[in-house]
Amino acid sequence: MDFATIASLRKYLSIKHSSPGMITVKFALALMKDPQALKLAQSPPEMPAAVTESKLNLFSRTLSMHYDATQVSPALLEELITTENDDHAADIVERLHTQLSL
């Protein structure tokens, strides 16, 4: 899942655990009915190189991502998931991409 995807699906997401370099996100069951999420399941977006590992656990409804905290700001990643403002989320995605020079 890339940062733009996280932004677009964030209404279904909550942070279960976060530490620099690792975040576990819990997703609501309603995510499974979202047409955009279903489309992503068929052709998932490529992860940025700074994300070194991701694990999806459908049983616990969690996604764990390990990332390079020197390239991705942990606070910015958390803010991306928790913001309720679409414009702010878009700004965060742009800032994250700038940090990674994408």
Protein backbone atom coordinates (compact mmCIF):
# COMPACT_ATOMS: atom_id res chain seq x y z
CA MET A 1 0.00 0.00 0.00
CA ASP A 2 1.50 3.32 -1.01
CA PHE A 3 0.98 6.65 0.76
CA ALA A 4 -1.74 7.88 -1.61
CA THR A 5 -3.64 4.65 -1.05
CA ILE A 6 -3.33 5.02 2.71
CA ALA A 7 -4.68 8.56 2.38
CA SER A 8 -7.67 7.48 0.31
CA LEU A 9 -8.60 4.61 2.64
CA ARG A 10 -7.71 6.26 5.95
CA LYS A 11 -11.36 6.48 7.10
CA TYR A 12 -11.14 2.70 7.63
CA LEU A 13 -7.77 2.78 9.40
CA SER A 14 -6.58 3.22 12.95
CA ILE A 15 -3.12 2.91 14.43
CA LYS A 16 -2.74 -0.18 16.58
CA HIS A 17 0.98 0.23 17.28
CA SER A 18 3.67 2.57 16.10
CA SER A 19 7.36 3.01 16.74
CA PRO A 20 10.02 4.57 14.51
CA GLY A 21 10.50 2.14 11.64
CA MET A 22 7.36 0.06 12.20
CA ILE A 23 3.64 0.73 12.21
CA THR A 24 0.70 -1.62 12.58
CA VAL A 25 -2.58 -0.37 11.23
CA LYS A 26 -5.94 -1.95 12.01
CA PHE A 27 -8.62 -1.69 9.36
CA ALA A 28 -12.38 -1.72 9.79
CA LEU A 29 -14.36 -4.58 8.32
CA ALA A 30 -16.16 -2.06 6.10
CA LEU A 31 -12.93 -1.73 4.11
CA MET A 32 -13.66 -5.13 2.56
CA LYS A 33 -16.76 -3.65 0.90
CA ASP A 34 -15.15 -0.50 -0.46
CA PRO A 35 -14.91 -0.67 -4.29
CA GLN A 36 -11.52 1.08 -4.31
CA ALA A 37 -10.11 -1.41 -1.78
CA LEU A 38 -11.42 -4.35 -3.79
CA LYS A 39 -9.77 -2.96 -6.92
CA LEU A 40 -6.49 -2.58 -5.00
CA ALA A 41 -6.68 -6.20 -3.85
CA GLN A 42 -6.62 -7.25 -7.52
CA SER A 43 -3.64 -5.07 -8.43
CA PRO A 44 -1.87 -3.65 -5.38
CA PRO A 45 0.25 -0.52 -5.84
CA GLU A 46 4.00 -0.78 -5.54
CA MET A 47 5.44 0.16 -2.17
CA PRO A 48 8.06 2.91 -1.93
CA ALA A 49 11.61 1.57 -1.47
CA ALA A 50 11.68 3.02 2.06
CA VAL A 51 9.05 0.44 3.06
CA THR A 52 11.17 -2.63 3.60
CA GLU A 53 8.45 -5.11 4.55
CA SER A 54 4.69 -5.26 4.80
CA LYS A 55 2.47 -8.00 6.15
CA LEU A 56 -1.28 -8.18 5.78
CA ASN A 57 -3.20 -10.30 8.28
CA LEU A 58 -6.83 -10.62 7.24
CA PHE A 59 -7.74 -12.60 10.37
CA SER A 60 -6.68 -9.77 12.72
CA ARG A 61 -7.48 -7.09 10.10
CA THR A 62 -4.03 -5.54 10.40
CA LEU A 63 -1.32 -4.32 8.09
CA SER A 64 2.19 -4.09 9.52
CA MET A 65 4.79 -2.06 7.68
CA HIS A 66 8.50 -1.83 8.42
CA TYR A 67 10.09 1.26 6.94
CA ASP A 68 13.26 3.29 7.03
CA ALA A 69 12.54 5.96 9.66
CA THR A 70 15.42 8.07 8.33
CA GLN A 71 13.54 8.42 5.03
CA VAL A 72 9.93 8.45 6.25
CA SER A 73 8.96 10.61 9.19
CA PRO A 74 7.11 8.42 11.72
CA ALA A 75 5.09 11.43 12.94
CA LEU A 76 4.08 12.32 9.39
CA LEU A 77 3.02 8.74 8.63
CA GLU A 78 0.88 8.66 11.79
CA GLU A 79 -0.61 12.03 10.91
CA LEU A 80 -1.51 10.74 7.43
CA ILE A 81 -3.59 7.96 8.98
CA THR A 82 -5.24 10.05 11.66
CA THR A 83 -6.10 13.28 9.85
CA GLU A 84 -9.74 13.79 8.95
CA ASN A 85 -9.04 16.55 6.44
CA ASP A 86 -8.67 15.45 2.80
CA ASP A 87 -6.60 18.47 1.79
CA HIS A 88 -4.25 17.92 4.72
CA ALA A 89 -3.91 14.23 3.80
CA ALA A 90 -3.03 15.19 0.21
CA ASP A 91 -0.43 17.63 1.53
CA ILE A 92 1.10 14.92 3.73
CA VAL A 93 1.29 12.50 0.78
CA GLU A 94 3.11 15.19 -1.22
CA ARG A 95 5.51 15.84 1.67
CA LEU A 96 6.21 12.10 2.08
CA HIS A 97 6.87 11.75 -1.64
CA THR A 98 9.18 14.78 -1.50
CA GLN A 99 11.09 13.19 1.39
CA LEU A 100 11.54 10.09 -0.75
CA SER A 101 12.11 12.06 -3.97
CA LEU A 102 9.32 10.14 -5.75
